[in-house]
Amino acid sequence: MRTPRQSPVVVGVNGSAASLAAVRLGAREAVARGRKLRVVHAFTWPDSRFGRPPQGYAQSRREASRLVERAVAAAQRSTPGVKASGLVSDGLPIRVLIQQSRGAELLVLGDEDHAPVDSVLFQAVSRAFCPTVVARGPRPPAGPLLAGVDGSDESLQALQLAAEEAARRAVPLEVAHVINRRTSSSEGQEVLDRALAAVPDVHDATTRLLVGEPGTALVRASRTARMVLVGPRGKDGTQLLGPVALQLLRRGACPTLFVHGTTATGHWSPGTVPSAGTRAS
């Protein structure tokens, strides 16, 4: 096992079954990356009046600490050898998670039903400063990594990280592009070829042309994948979450990793990955 380095894997917990699934996934990811695991719970309480803690504050704070302690213990049981610590941080959940993401290797969150745009999950996935993965239940990891590409810079960043992850885990990598019924297969294959040329770290990947509506097609493909990796904002980059990312967030069948162009890990920064229209020399 590698010696843990500085930037931790951060997992947010709230006591739900979904957050415990995130703890188990976060523990596996921390050990695989040689990182420490930080289990974080955001504690909120109405402002006290006259400088005195409000009634029930101390008990609620103790319960929050116990929640984190149970989550740390669950991480250690599920993944022996993980170096895990807990943190109860004062503040609204989204503010705490965004702050934690600034210095994290990876942010891991549990699934939420439907993930409306005002939910903590939606806001964290769309605004985090590091790659963010959404855990999906207790299913053990199996199948290939699946990277979705559409020609955008963000999808190339997702492919770059997918190549690194596939090599580190020694698992197959599939690179998928979705075309509609009016698009020729040769046009779709050109998008795949340009993506592979722009990310030279991809080795021995299998390419897949999927036909249909992009979000639906990738959700369907996620049923047989170990993890799906995508850029969160789509080709135009104007939305917090693009329509494909939103469908994967709400309906994906396996853990989904949303790869942001601004990361704390040093893998890349915006503009360092060649555009899909530029072949690597």
Protein backbone atom coordinates (compact mmCIF):
# COMPACT_ATOMS: atom_id res chain seq x y z
CA MET A 1 0.00 0.00 0.00
CA ARG A 2 1.33 3.42 -0.91
CA THR A 3 2.06 6.00 1.75
CA PRO A 4 -0.87 8.46 1.87
CA ARG A 5 -0.08 11.83 0.32
CA GLN A 6 -1.39 15.23 1.27
CA SER A 7 -4.64 15.92 -0.63
CA PRO A 8 -7.36 13.70 0.87
CA VAL A 9 -10.35 11.96 -0.57
CA VAL A 10 -13.29 13.78 1.03
CA VAL A 11 -16.66 12.13 1.56
CA GLY A 12 -19.72 14.01 2.76
CA VAL A 13 -22.04 12.22 5.18
CA ASN A 14 -25.46 12.97 6.62
CA GLY A 15 -26.39 9.65 8.24
CA SER A 16 -28.33 8.29 5.26
CA ALA A 17 -27.81 4.89 3.64
CA ALA A 18 -26.67 6.70 0.51
CA SER A 19 -23.93 8.51 2.40
CA LEU A 20 -22.72 5.19 3.86
CA ALA A 21 -22.42 3.86 0.31
CA ALA A 22 -20.32 6.96 -0.40
CA VAL A 23 -18.14 6.20 2.64
CA ARG A 24 -17.42 2.68 1.37
CA LEU A 25 -16.60 3.95 -2.11
CA GLY A 26 -14.51 6.78 -0.70
CA ALA A 27 -12.50 4.36 1.43
CA ARG A 28 -11.70 2.19 -1.61
CA GLU A 29 -10.72 5.23 -3.65
CA ALA A 30 -8.50 6.61 -0.87
CA VAL A 31 -6.54 3.37 -0.49
CA ALA A 32 -6.22 2.90 -4.25
CA ARG A 33 -4.86 6.45 -4.62
CA GLY A 34 -2.61 6.34 -1.58
CA ARG A 35 -4.58 9.15 0.04
CA LYS A 36 -6.12 9.73 3.43
CA LEU A 37 -9.90 9.69 3.78
CA ARG A 38 -11.64 12.65 5.41
CA VAL A 39 -15.25 12.06 6.46
CA VAL A 40 -17.07 15.40 6.72
CA HIS A 41 -20.44 16.32 8.18
CA ALA A 42 -21.82 19.86 7.91
CA PHE A 43 -23.37 21.00 11.17
CA THR A 44 -25.87 23.82 11.11
CA TRP A 45 -27.68 25.51 14.00
CA PRO A 46 -29.67 28.74 14.29
CA ASP A 47 -27.65 31.67 15.57
CA SER A 48 -27.71 31.83 19.34
CA ARG A 49 -29.09 34.94 20.99
CA PHE A 50 -27.29 36.95 23.66
CA GLY A 51 -24.09 34.90 23.07
CA ARG A 52 -25.49 31.78 24.76
CA PRO A 53 -25.72 28.39 23.01
CA PRO A 54 -29.38 27.63 22.29
CA GLN A 55 -31.17 24.83 24.09
CA GLY A 56 -30.28 21.44 22.64
CA TYR A 57 -27.13 22.63 20.89
CA ALA A 58 -24.67 20.52 22.89
CA GLN A 59 -26.70 17.34 22.40
CA SER A 60 -27.04 17.95 18.66
CA ARG A 61 -23.32 18.57 18.36
CA ARG A 62 -22.56 15.30 20.15
CA GLU A 63 -24.92 13.45 17.83
CA ALA A 64 -23.15 14.95 14.83
CA SER A 65 -19.81 13.80 16.21
CA ARG A 66 -21.15 10.28 16.76
CA LEU A 67 -22.52 10.22 13.21
CA VAL A 68 -19.05 10.98 11.87
CA GLU A 69 -17.42 8.44 14.20
CA ARG A 70 -19.78 5.73 12.93
CA ALA A 71 -19.00 6.65 9.34
CA VAL A 72 -15.24 6.49 9.99
CA ALA A 73 -15.68 3.08 11.62
CA ALA A 74 -17.72 1.90 8.62
CA ALA A 75 -14.91 3.01 6.28
CA GLN A 76 -12.34 1.12 8.33
CA ARG A 77 -14.48 -2.03 8.40
CA SER A 78 -15.16 -1.98 4.68
CA THR A 79 -11.59 -1.21 3.62
CA PRO A 80 -8.92 -2.39 6.08
CA GLY A 81 -5.86 -0.17 6.01
CA VAL A 82 -7.63 3.04 5.11
CA LYS A 83 -6.33 6.04 7.05
CA ALA A 84 -9.57 7.81 7.92
CA SER A 85 -10.41 10.81 10.06
CA GLY A 86 -13.63 12.65 10.78
CA LEU A 87 -14.57 16.31 10.77
CA VAL A 88 -17.69 18.12 11.94
CA SER A 89 -17.64 21.47 10.15
CA ASP A 90 -19.96 24.35 10.98
CA GLY A 91 -21.89 25.73 8.04
CA LEU A 92 -24.42 24.96 5.36
CA PRO A 93 -23.70 21.63 3.62
CA ILE A 94 -23.01 23.06 0.17
CA ARG A 95 -20.63 25.70 1.55
CA VAL A 96 -18.76 23.11 3.58
CA LEU A 97 -18.45 20.71 0.62
CA ILE A 98 -17.28 23.39 -1.80
CA GLN A 99 -14.71 24.59 0.72
CA GLN A 100 -13.47 21.01 1.25
CA SER A 101 -13.26 20.41 -2.49
CA ARG A 102 -10.65 23.15 -2.90
CA GLY A 103 -7.92 20.98 -1.39
CA ALA A 104 -9.27 17.50 -2.16
CA GLU A 105 -8.10 14.81 -4.55
CA LEU A 106 -11.68 13.65 -4.94
CA LEU A 107 -15.09 14.48 -3.49
CA VAL A 108 -17.42 11.51 -2.91
CA LEU A 109 -21.15 11.95 -2.31
CA GLY A 110 -24.15 9.69 -1.89
CA ASP A 111 -27.01 9.53 -4.36
CA GLU A 112 -30.18 11.60 -3.91
CA ASP A 113 -33.56 10.84 -5.44
CA HIS A 114 -34.12 13.05 -8.51
CA ALA A 115 -31.37 15.52 -7.40
CA PRO A 116 -33.33 18.75 -7.98
CA VAL A 117 -31.32 21.82 -8.92
CA ASP A 118 -31.53 23.21 -5.39
CA SER A 119 -30.25 19.99 -3.80
CA VAL A 120 -26.86 19.72 -2.11
CA LEU A 121 -25.87 16.95 -4.54
CA PHE A 122 -26.66 18.95 -7.68
CA GLN A 123 -24.90 22.04 -6.40
CA ALA A 124 -21.82 20.13 -5.23
CA VAL A 125 -21.44 18.15 -8.46
CA SER A 126 -21.78 21.27 -10.58
CA ARG A 127 -19.63 23.63 -8.49
CA ALA A 128 -16.90 21.54 -6.83
CA PHE A 129 -13.25 22.41 -7.44
CA CYS A 130 -12.17 18.78 -7.79
CA PRO A 131 -13.50 15.68 -9.57
CA THR A 132 -16.70 14.55 -7.86
CA VAL A 133 -18.05 11.01 -7.83
CA VAL A 134 -21.59 9.98 -6.92
CA ALA A 135 -21.83 6.55 -5.28
CA ARG A 136 -24.58 4.11 -6.27
CA GLY A 137 -25.63 1.58 -3.65
CA PRO A 138 -23.78 -1.53 -2.47
CA ARG A 139 -22.93 -3.10 -5.85
CA PRO A 140 -19.25 -4.17 -5.89
CA PRO A 141 -17.06 -2.70 -8.65
CA ALA A 142 -17.10 -4.68 -11.89
CA GLY A 143 -16.85 -4.04 -15.62
CA PRO A 144 -14.85 -1.44 -17.53
CA LEU A 145 -14.43 2.26 -16.97
CA LEU A 146 -16.62 4.14 -19.45
CA ALA A 147 -15.63 7.62 -20.64
CA GLY A 148 -18.21 9.62 -22.58
CA VAL A 149 -16.80 12.02 -25.19
CA ASP A 150 -18.58 14.63 -27.31
CA GLY A 151 -15.68 16.69 -28.66
CA SER A 152 -15.72 19.25 -25.83
CA ASP A 153 -12.65 20.16 -23.78
CA GLU A 154 -14.36 18.88 -20.63
CA SER A 155 -14.97 15.47 -22.19
CA LEU A 156 -11.27 15.31 -23.10
CA GLN A 157 -10.41 16.06 -19.49
CA ALA A 158 -12.72 13.21 -18.48
CA LEU A 159 -10.97 10.93 -20.97
CA GLN A 160 -7.56 11.95 -19.62
CA LEU A 161 -8.58 11.05 -16.09
CA ALA A 162 -10.24 7.84 -17.31
CA ALA A 163 -6.96 6.79 -18.96
CA GLU A 164 -5.07 7.41 -15.72
CA GLU A 165 -7.67 5.54 -13.69
CA ALA A 166 -7.74 2.56 -16.07
CA ALA A 167 -3.96 2.25 -15.91
CA ARG A 168 -3.90 2.59 -12.13
CA ARG A 169 -6.66 0.04 -11.59
CA ALA A 170 -5.51 -2.28 -14.41
CA VAL A 171 -9.05 -2.45 -15.81
CA PRO A 172 -10.40 -2.04 -19.36
CA LEU A 173 -11.36 1.37 -20.69
CA GLU A 174 -14.23 2.00 -23.07
CA VAL A 175 -14.60 5.34 -24.85
CA ALA A 176 -18.15 6.07 -26.01
CA HIS A 177 -19.71 8.67 -28.27
CA VAL A 178 -23.42 8.93 -28.95
CA ILE A 179 -24.83 9.71 -32.40
CA ASN A 180 -28.41 10.20 -33.50
CA ARG A 181 -30.01 8.30 -36.34
CA ARG A 182 -29.29 11.13 -38.78
CA THR A 183 -25.55 11.08 -38.08
CA SER A 184 -23.38 8.68 -40.02
CA SER A 185 -21.22 6.19 -38.18
CA SER A 186 -18.15 7.64 -39.93
CA GLU A 187 -18.86 11.07 -38.42
CA GLY A 188 -19.22 9.52 -34.98
CA GLN A 189 -16.03 7.52 -35.38
CA GLU A 190 -14.20 10.71 -36.35
CA VAL A 191 -15.16 12.25 -32.99
CA LEU A 192 -13.78 9.18 -31.22
CA ASP A 193 -10.58 9.20 -33.28
CA ARG A 194 -9.96 12.88 -32.56
CA ALA A 195 -10.52 12.36 -28.85
CA LEU A 196 -8.05 9.47 -28.75
CA ALA A 197 -5.50 11.51 -30.71
CA ALA A 198 -5.89 14.46 -28.33
CA VAL A 199 -5.27 12.32 -25.22
CA PRO A 200 -2.14 10.26 -25.92
CA ASP A 201 -2.24 8.57 -22.50
CA VAL A 202 -5.11 6.36 -23.70
CA HIS A 203 -3.84 2.85 -24.38
CA ASP A 204 -5.73 -0.26 -25.52
CA ALA A 205 -9.12 1.40 -25.20
CA THR A 206 -12.24 0.03 -26.84
CA THR A 207 -14.38 2.55 -28.69
CA ARG A 208 -18.17 2.39 -28.76
CA LEU A 209 -20.62 4.23 -30.97
CA LEU A 210 -23.99 4.45 -29.25
CA VAL A 211 -27.15 5.47 -31.09
CA GLY A 212 -29.96 7.50 -29.58
CA GLU A 213 -30.44 10.36 -27.16
CA PRO A 214 -27.04 10.89 -25.45
CA GLY A 215 -28.20 10.88 -21.83
CA THR A 216 -30.43 7.85 -22.24
CA ALA A 217 -27.76 5.94 -24.17
CA LEU A 218 -25.08 6.56 -21.53
CA VAL A 219 -27.46 5.69 -18.69
CA ARG A 220 -28.14 2.40 -20.45
CA ALA A 221 -24.41 1.78 -20.95
CA SER A 222 -23.76 2.50 -17.25
CA ARG A 223 -25.55 -0.74 -16.33
CA THR A 224 -22.49 -2.77 -17.30
CA ALA A 225 -19.75 -0.29 -16.31
CA ARG A 226 -17.59 -0.05 -13.22
CA MET A 227 -17.71 3.75 -13.36
CA VAL A 228 -18.75 6.40 -15.89
CA LEU A 229 -16.58 9.50 -16.35
CA VAL A 230 -17.96 12.61 -18.04
CA GLY A 231 -17.50 16.36 -18.20
CA PRO A 232 -20.37 17.99 -16.31
CA ARG A 233 -21.26 20.96 -18.51
CA GLY A 234 -21.67 19.60 -22.02
CA LYS A 235 -20.45 21.02 -25.31
CA ASP A 236 -21.55 24.62 -24.87
CA GLY A 237 -20.31 24.87 -21.27
CA THR A 238 -22.94 27.43 -20.30
CA GLN A 239 -24.94 25.37 -17.79
CA LEU A 240 -24.05 24.22 -14.30
CA LEU A 241 -24.83 20.70 -15.48
CA GLY A 242 -25.41 19.76 -19.07
CA PRO A 243 -28.41 17.58 -19.95
CA VAL A 244 -26.33 14.41 -20.33
CA ALA A 245 -24.59 14.90 -16.99
CA LEU A 246 -27.93 15.62 -15.35
CA GLN A 247 -29.43 12.36 -16.61
CA LEU A 248 -26.41 10.42 -15.37
CA LEU A 249 -26.62 12.19 -12.02
CA ARG A 250 -30.27 11.22 -11.62
CA ARG A 251 -30.41 7.82 -13.30
CA GLY A 252 -26.91 6.36 -13.62
CA ALA A 253 -26.62 2.70 -12.66
CA CYS A 254 -23.00 2.82 -11.48
CA PRO A 255 -20.80 5.40 -9.78
CA THR A 256 -20.46 8.48 -11.98
CA LEU A 257 -17.37 10.71 -11.89
CA PHE A 258 -17.90 14.31 -12.98
CA VAL A 259 -14.55 15.72 -14.07
CA HIS A 260 -14.10 19.46 -13.67
CA GLY A 261 -11.60 21.53 -15.60
CA THR A 262 -10.51 23.25 -12.38
CA THR A 263 -8.97 20.67 -10.08
CA ALA A 264 -6.75 20.63 -7.02
CA THR A 265 -4.73 17.61 -8.12
CA GLY A 266 -2.49 19.19 -10.73
CA HIS A 267 -3.48 16.73 -13.47
CA TRP A 268 -4.49 19.64 -15.70
CA SER A 269 -5.88 23.12 -15.81
CA PRO A 270 -8.20 24.58 -18.42
CA GLY A 271 -6.58 24.70 -21.82
CA THR A 272 -3.80 22.16 -21.17
CA VAL A 273 -5.59 19.37 -23.03
CA PRO A 274 -5.58 19.84 -26.80
CA SER A 275 -8.96 20.47 -28.38
CA ALA A 276 -10.65 17.59 -30.14
CA GLY A 277 -9.89 19.11 -33.49
CA THR A 278 -6.12 19.07 -32.91
CA ARG A 279 -4.29 15.82 -33.34
CA ALA A 280 -1.37 15.08 -31.09
CA SER A 281 1.95 15.16 -32.88
